[in-house]
Amino acid sequence: MGKGYSVPVAIIVFNRKYLAERMLECLEKVKPERVFVISDGPRDSVPGEDKKVEEVRKVFENIPWKCEVSRCYADKNMGCDTRVPTGLDWVFEHTEEAIILEDDCLPDTQFFSYAAELLEYYRNDSRVMMISGSNQMSAYQMPYSFCFTARVYTWGWATWRRAWKCYREGTEIWNQIHEDGTLKRVYSLRTRYYVEKELNYYIERGKCPWDYQWWISCMAVNGLCIVPKVNLICNEGFGNDATHTRDKGDYKGETFEMQFPMKYPPEVQRDIQFDRYDKGLNPQWKLIRGLRKIYHMIDRKGKKYIE
């Protein structure tokens, strides 16, 4: 990869020193020439958190390779749903494109080559809003090195200033994609039911997570997310000290080898089949598929009996 990785890398950190150190080890393997460090402030309600936040920030005071470092540190706690988007606003005031890594999303080295190539290739294609490094739908046999989806996956990703400019918060943009038929065009009835139920839960409470707002923002402009054929990111942030992802469930976090040169899809077009393997979009897809098989078996037997 040469002496230094040319794509700027933005790191989002908080109060977990061990993850910050692991992230620094990952970055040292590629030595990015420019690093942005975004840090939220400590919560007044959590005793001793100010010291933990300070320890994390010190990890990035002496980066062991030559690079340009910019820091955006909050004095007071903003919460991740404010700190992340405001931090990215700051990043894209200074660069046209960047890789974005929260402290618990540890990248495989190949993620950097993959992201750099696709950032360049789709730089001026307004249909493409982001490049994800995460793929948990390993059962889906993707025919190319990556595919395009309407959902965003932010466990290790990259994007451009021109895309991030589309980020919007609030209910107005959510109402818009209902009224103009965008949501109906994107998702089938069954999937749309889940999407609406999930997003309405947060929007009605005025606490929509930033990544859901990003998802809504991308849908509003008919944007697509690139997802790799193999998983390139390991999320190690599960546990009691996590903000959101405390329950690991059946998540394994294994990363796999990406084959280069990459095989590109012939068109920039959403892979609808990929969504069917997404347990988040289709939480009961295995059960439903099984019931459909039973139905068709009974149906075929009935027709044979009649004949």
Protein backbone atom coordinates (compact mmCIF):
# COMPACT_ATOMS: atom_id res chain seq x y z
CA MET A 1 0.00 0.00 0.00
CA GLY A 2 3.01 2.28 -0.10
CA LYS A 3 4.41 4.54 2.58
CA GLY A 4 1.12 6.06 3.62
CA TYR A 5 -2.60 5.71 2.94
CA SER A 6 -3.81 8.81 1.15
CA VAL A 7 -7.54 8.75 2.02
CA PRO A 8 -8.25 10.72 5.23
CA VAL A 9 -9.52 8.60 8.12
CA ALA A 10 -11.97 9.94 10.72
CA ILE A 11 -12.00 8.16 14.09
CA ILE A 12 -14.95 8.59 16.48
CA VAL A 13 -14.00 7.85 20.10
CA PHE A 14 -15.46 8.25 23.57
CA ASN A 15 -14.51 6.52 26.83
CA ARG A 16 -13.05 3.09 26.00
CA LYS A 17 -9.27 3.23 25.99
CA TYR A 18 -8.75 -0.42 25.06
CA LEU A 19 -10.75 0.08 21.84
CA ALA A 20 -8.90 3.30 21.02
CA GLU A 21 -5.61 1.43 21.34
CA ARG A 22 -6.85 -1.40 19.14
CA MET A 23 -7.97 1.10 16.52
CA LEU A 24 -4.59 2.80 16.55
CA GLU A 25 -2.93 -0.59 15.97
CA CYS A 26 -5.19 -1.15 12.94
CA LEU A 27 -4.37 2.26 11.50
CA GLU A 28 -0.64 1.82 12.03
CA LYS A 29 -0.71 -1.04 9.51
CA VAL A 30 -1.66 1.38 6.70
CA LYS A 31 -0.38 4.66 8.16
CA PRO A 32 -2.98 7.14 6.89
CA GLU A 33 -1.47 10.48 5.97
CA ARG A 34 -4.33 12.40 7.57
CA VAL A 35 -6.33 11.49 10.67
CA PHE A 36 -9.36 13.26 12.13
CA VAL A 37 -10.21 12.43 15.75
CA ILE A 38 -13.75 13.15 16.97
CA SER A 39 -14.40 12.83 20.69
CA ASP A 40 -17.54 13.40 22.74
CA GLY A 41 -17.31 14.98 26.18
CA PRO A 42 -17.90 13.16 29.50
CA ARG A 43 -21.33 12.85 31.05
CA ASP A 44 -21.80 14.73 34.31
CA SER A 45 -23.98 11.90 35.59
CA VAL A 46 -21.21 9.28 35.26
CA PRO A 47 -18.55 9.55 37.98
CA GLY A 48 -14.99 9.24 36.69
CA GLU A 49 -15.93 9.40 33.03
CA ASP A 50 -13.94 12.60 32.56
CA LYS A 51 -10.75 10.64 33.32
CA LYS A 52 -11.71 7.87 30.90
CA VAL A 53 -12.37 10.36 28.12
CA GLU A 54 -9.03 12.05 28.78
CA GLU A 55 -7.21 8.69 28.65
CA VAL A 56 -8.73 7.95 25.26
CA ARG A 57 -7.71 11.34 23.90
CA LYS A 58 -4.14 10.79 25.09
CA VAL A 59 -3.95 7.66 22.93
CA PHE A 60 -4.05 9.92 19.88
CA GLU A 61 -1.58 12.49 21.20
CA ASN A 62 1.45 10.50 20.06
CA ILE A 63 0.55 8.69 16.85
CA PRO A 64 3.55 6.47 15.96
CA TRP A 65 3.83 7.47 12.31
CA LYS A 66 4.14 10.76 10.50
CA CYS A 67 0.72 12.17 9.64
CA GLU A 68 -1.43 15.26 9.87
CA VAL A 69 -3.79 15.05 12.85
CA SER A 70 -6.88 17.22 13.41
CA ARG A 71 -8.94 16.99 16.59
CA CYS A 72 -12.52 17.94 17.40
CA TYR A 73 -13.13 17.45 21.12
CA ALA A 74 -16.41 18.34 22.84
CA ASP A 75 -16.21 19.90 26.31
CA LYS A 76 -19.64 18.60 27.33
CA ASN A 77 -21.39 15.39 26.42
CA MET A 78 -23.47 15.76 23.28
CA GLY A 79 -24.60 12.15 22.89
CA CYS A 80 -23.56 10.07 19.90
CA ASP A 81 -26.62 11.05 17.86
CA THR A 82 -25.42 14.66 17.93
CA ARG A 83 -21.66 14.17 18.27
CA VAL A 84 -21.31 11.90 15.23
CA PRO A 85 -23.12 14.10 12.66
CA THR A 86 -21.62 17.34 13.98
CA GLY A 87 -18.21 15.69 13.95
CA LEU A 88 -18.69 14.60 10.35
CA ASP A 89 -19.85 18.10 9.42
CA TRP A 90 -16.48 19.28 10.74
CA VAL A 91 -14.55 16.57 8.87
CA PHE A 92 -16.13 17.45 5.54
CA GLU A 93 -15.35 21.11 6.02
CA HIS A 94 -11.72 20.04 5.59
CA THR A 95 -11.77 17.17 3.11
CA GLU A 96 -13.72 15.96 0.06
CA GLU A 97 -13.82 12.32 1.17
CA ALA A 98 -13.04 10.19 4.20
CA ILE A 99 -13.19 6.79 5.80
CA ILE A 100 -15.25 6.84 9.00
CA LEU A 101 -14.56 4.42 11.85
CA GLU A 102 -16.20 4.39 15.25
CA ASP A 103 -13.80 3.13 17.88
CA ASP A 104 -15.38 -0.33 18.10
CA CYS A 105 -15.47 -1.00 14.33
CA LEU A 106 -12.06 -2.51 13.69
CA PRO A 107 -11.18 -2.79 10.01
CA ASP A 108 -9.35 -5.53 8.16
CA THR A 109 -6.38 -4.07 6.27
CA GLN A 110 -8.04 -4.86 2.94
CA PHE A 111 -10.90 -2.52 3.82
CA PHE A 112 -8.64 0.45 3.10
CA SER A 113 -7.72 -0.69 -0.42
CA TYR A 114 -11.34 -1.55 -1.16
CA ALA A 115 -12.61 1.83 0.10
CA ALA A 116 -9.93 3.86 -1.69
CA GLU A 117 -10.65 2.21 -5.05
CA LEU A 118 -14.41 2.72 -4.82
CA LEU A 119 -14.15 6.26 -3.46
CA GLU A 120 -12.25 7.16 -6.59
CA TYR A 121 -14.40 5.18 -9.02
CA TYR A 122 -17.78 6.50 -7.81
CA ARG A 123 -16.59 9.93 -6.69
CA ASN A 124 -18.80 11.81 -9.14
CA ASP A 125 -21.73 9.40 -9.26
CA SER A 126 -24.51 11.03 -7.25
CA ARG A 127 -26.42 7.74 -7.07
CA VAL A 128 -23.78 6.28 -4.73
CA MET A 129 -23.91 7.78 -1.23
CA MET A 130 -21.51 5.62 0.74
CA ILE A 131 -19.25 2.57 0.81
CA SER A 132 -19.75 0.13 3.67
CA GLY A 133 -17.15 -2.33 4.92
CA SER A 134 -19.64 -4.52 6.78
CA ASN A 135 -21.59 -7.47 5.42
CA GLN A 136 -23.40 -9.79 7.85
CA MET A 137 -25.46 -11.52 5.13
CA SER A 138 -22.85 -14.19 4.44
CA ALA A 139 -25.50 -16.67 3.25
CA TYR A 140 -26.13 -14.54 0.18
CA GLN A 141 -23.86 -15.54 -2.70
CA MET A 142 -23.07 -12.17 -4.21
CA PRO A 143 -22.06 -12.51 -7.90
CA TYR A 144 -19.72 -9.51 -7.82
CA SER A 145 -17.21 -8.03 -5.37
CA PHE A 146 -19.90 -5.72 -4.01
CA CYS A 147 -23.53 -4.78 -4.51
CA PHE A 148 -25.76 -1.75 -4.07
CA THR A 149 -28.48 -1.48 -1.43
CA ALA A 150 -30.97 1.14 -0.28
CA ARG A 151 -30.12 0.57 3.37
CA VAL A 152 -26.99 2.07 4.95
CA TYR A 153 -24.49 0.02 6.95
CA THR A 154 -22.24 2.20 9.10
CA TRP A 155 -19.99 -0.30 10.87
CA GLY A 156 -16.93 1.04 9.05
CA TRP A 157 -17.71 3.10 5.97
CA ALA A 158 -16.57 5.84 3.62
CA THR A 159 -18.26 8.71 1.85
CA TRP A 160 -17.80 12.05 0.13
CA ARG A 161 -18.57 15.63 1.06
CA ARG A 162 -21.10 15.82 -1.79
CA ALA A 163 -23.03 12.89 -0.24
CA TRP A 164 -22.82 14.00 3.40
CA LYS A 165 -24.33 17.35 2.40
CA CYS A 166 -27.61 15.46 2.00
CA TYR A 167 -27.76 14.51 5.70
CA ARG A 168 -30.93 15.88 7.29
CA GLU A 169 -32.55 15.53 10.71
CA GLY A 170 -36.11 15.83 11.90
CA THR A 171 -39.51 14.55 10.80
CA GLU A 172 -39.86 16.64 7.65
CA ILE A 173 -37.68 14.44 5.45
CA TRP A 174 -39.32 11.27 6.82
CA ASN A 175 -42.77 12.67 6.02
CA GLN A 176 -41.56 13.64 2.58
CA ILE A 177 -40.55 10.15 1.50
CA HIS A 178 -43.97 8.88 2.64
CA GLU A 179 -45.91 11.54 0.77
CA ASP A 180 -43.97 11.42 -2.49
CA GLY A 181 -44.07 7.60 -2.66
CA THR A 182 -40.30 7.09 -2.28
CA LEU A 183 -40.57 4.57 0.54
CA LYS A 184 -43.17 2.59 -1.41
CA ARG A 185 -40.94 2.50 -4.47
CA VAL A 186 -37.91 1.34 -2.50
CA TYR A 187 -39.34 -1.43 -0.34
CA SER A 188 -41.92 -4.17 -0.77
CA LEU A 189 -45.00 -4.18 1.45
CA ARG A 190 -43.63 -6.65 4.02
CA THR A 191 -40.25 -4.94 4.31
CA ARG A 192 -41.85 -1.51 4.34
CA TYR A 193 -43.96 -2.53 7.31
CA TYR A 194 -40.81 -3.24 9.34
CA VAL A 195 -39.03 -0.08 8.16
CA GLU A 196 -41.96 2.14 9.07
CA LYS A 197 -42.47 0.45 12.44
CA GLU A 198 -38.78 0.69 13.34
CA LEU A 199 -38.22 4.27 12.25
CA ASN A 200 -41.55 5.60 13.54
CA TYR A 201 -40.70 4.23 16.99
CA TYR A 202 -37.76 6.65 17.26
CA ILE A 203 -39.11 9.55 15.23
CA GLU A 204 -42.32 9.78 17.25
CA ARG A 205 -40.19 10.03 20.40
CA GLY A 206 -37.91 12.66 18.90
CA LYS A 207 -34.85 10.43 19.39
CA CYS A 208 -34.02 9.08 15.96
CA PRO A 209 -30.47 7.63 15.90
CA TRP A 210 -28.07 9.43 13.60
CA ASP A 211 -27.53 6.40 11.36
CA TYR A 212 -31.30 6.05 10.83
CA GLN A 213 -31.42 9.74 9.91
CA TRP A 214 -28.64 9.04 7.43
CA TRP A 215 -30.63 6.11 6.04
CA ILE A 216 -33.70 8.32 5.61
CA SER A 217 -31.58 11.07 4.04
CA CYS A 218 -30.14 8.62 1.50
CA MET A 219 -33.57 7.26 0.61
CA ALA A 220 -34.83 10.80 0.05
CA VAL A 221 -32.34 11.28 -2.79
CA ASN A 222 -32.66 7.71 -4.13
CA GLY A 223 -29.13 7.05 -2.92
CA LEU A 224 -27.40 3.70 -2.73
CA CYS A 225 -24.94 2.10 -0.32
CA ILE A 226 -22.17 -0.20 -1.53
CA VAL A 227 -21.80 -3.43 0.48
CA PRO A 228 -18.79 -5.74 0.02
CA LYS A 229 -19.08 -9.41 -0.91
CA VAL A 230 -17.23 -10.33 2.28
CA ASN A 231 -17.21 -8.75 5.71
CA LEU A 232 -14.23 -6.44 6.26
CA ILE A 233 -15.14 -4.96 9.66
CA CYS A 234 -15.23 -6.55 13.12
CA ASN A 235 -17.40 -4.78 15.69
CA GLU A 236 -15.86 -5.36 19.12
CA GLY A 237 -17.96 -2.87 21.03
CA PHE A 238 -20.55 -5.23 22.50
CA GLY A 239 -20.90 -5.26 26.27
CA ASN A 240 -22.14 -3.34 29.29
CA ASP A 241 -19.98 -0.34 28.46
CA ALA A 242 -21.52 0.03 24.99
CA THR A 243 -23.91 2.87 24.18
CA HIS A 244 -26.25 0.81 21.98
CA THR A 245 -24.90 -2.63 20.99
CA ARG A 246 -24.80 -4.44 24.34
CA ASP A 247 -26.27 -7.75 23.18
CA LYS A 248 -23.99 -9.60 20.76
CA GLY A 249 -26.60 -12.18 19.86
CA ASP A 250 -25.30 -14.49 17.11
CA TYR A 251 -22.88 -11.90 15.74
CA LYS A 252 -19.47 -13.47 15.01
CA GLY A 253 -17.58 -10.52 13.53
CA GLU A 254 -15.37 -12.65 11.31
CA THR A 255 -13.60 -10.89 8.45
CA PHE A 256 -12.67 -12.54 5.17
CA GLU A 257 -10.35 -11.99 2.24
CA MET A 258 -11.47 -9.66 -0.53
CA GLN A 259 -10.28 -10.76 -3.96
CA PHE A 260 -8.48 -8.15 -6.07
CA PRO A 261 -8.89 -6.99 -8.76
CA MET A 262 -12.50 -6.50 -7.84
CA LYS A 263 -15.32 -7.59 -10.10
CA TYR A 264 -17.71 -4.68 -10.63
CA PRO A 265 -21.47 -4.98 -11.12
CA PRO A 266 -22.35 -3.99 -14.72
CA GLU A 267 -24.82 -1.35 -13.52
CA VAL A 268 -25.36 0.93 -10.54
CA GLN A 269 -28.56 -0.75 -9.52
CA ARG A 270 -29.99 -1.88 -6.21
CA ASP A 271 -29.65 -5.58 -5.46
CA ILE A 272 -33.14 -6.35 -4.17
CA GLN A 273 -32.18 -9.96 -3.44
CA PHE A 274 -29.59 -8.81 -0.89
CA ASP A 275 -32.32 -7.19 1.21
CA ARG A 276 -34.08 -10.53 1.54
CA TYR A 277 -31.10 -11.87 3.48
CA ASP A 278 -31.02 -8.91 5.86
CA LYS A 279 -32.50 -10.09 9.15
CA GLY A 280 -32.92 -6.48 10.19
CA LEU A 281 -35.17 -5.69 7.24
CA ASN A 282 -36.78 -9.14 7.30
CA PRO A 283 -36.60 -10.42 10.89
CA GLN A 284 -38.71 -13.50 10.11
CA TRP A 285 -37.50 -14.21 6.59
CA LYS A 286 -36.35 -17.77 7.35
CA LEU A 287 -39.68 -18.71 8.92
CA ILE A 288 -41.66 -17.15 6.11
CA ARG A 289 -39.57 -18.87 3.46
CA GLY A 290 -40.06 -22.19 5.25
CA LEU A 291 -43.82 -21.70 5.42
CA ARG A 292 -43.89 -20.85 1.73
CA LYS A 293 -42.05 -24.08 0.91
CA ILE A 294 -44.56 -26.10 2.94
CA TYR A 295 -47.43 -24.31 1.23
CA HIS A 296 -46.06 -25.05 -2.24
CA MET A 297 -45.43 -28.70 -1.31
CA ILE A 298 -49.02 -29.08 -0.14
CA ASP A 299 -50.27 -27.22 -3.19
CA ARG A 300 -48.31 -29.46 -5.55
CA LYS A 301 -49.53 -32.59 -3.77
CA GLY A 302 -53.10 -31.32 -4.03
CA LYS A 303 -52.79 -30.74 -7.76
CA LYS A 304 -51.25 -34.16 -8.26
CA TYR A 305 -54.07 -35.81 -6.31
CA ILE A 306 -56.70 -33.98 -8.38
CA GLU A 307 -55.03 -35.04 -11.59
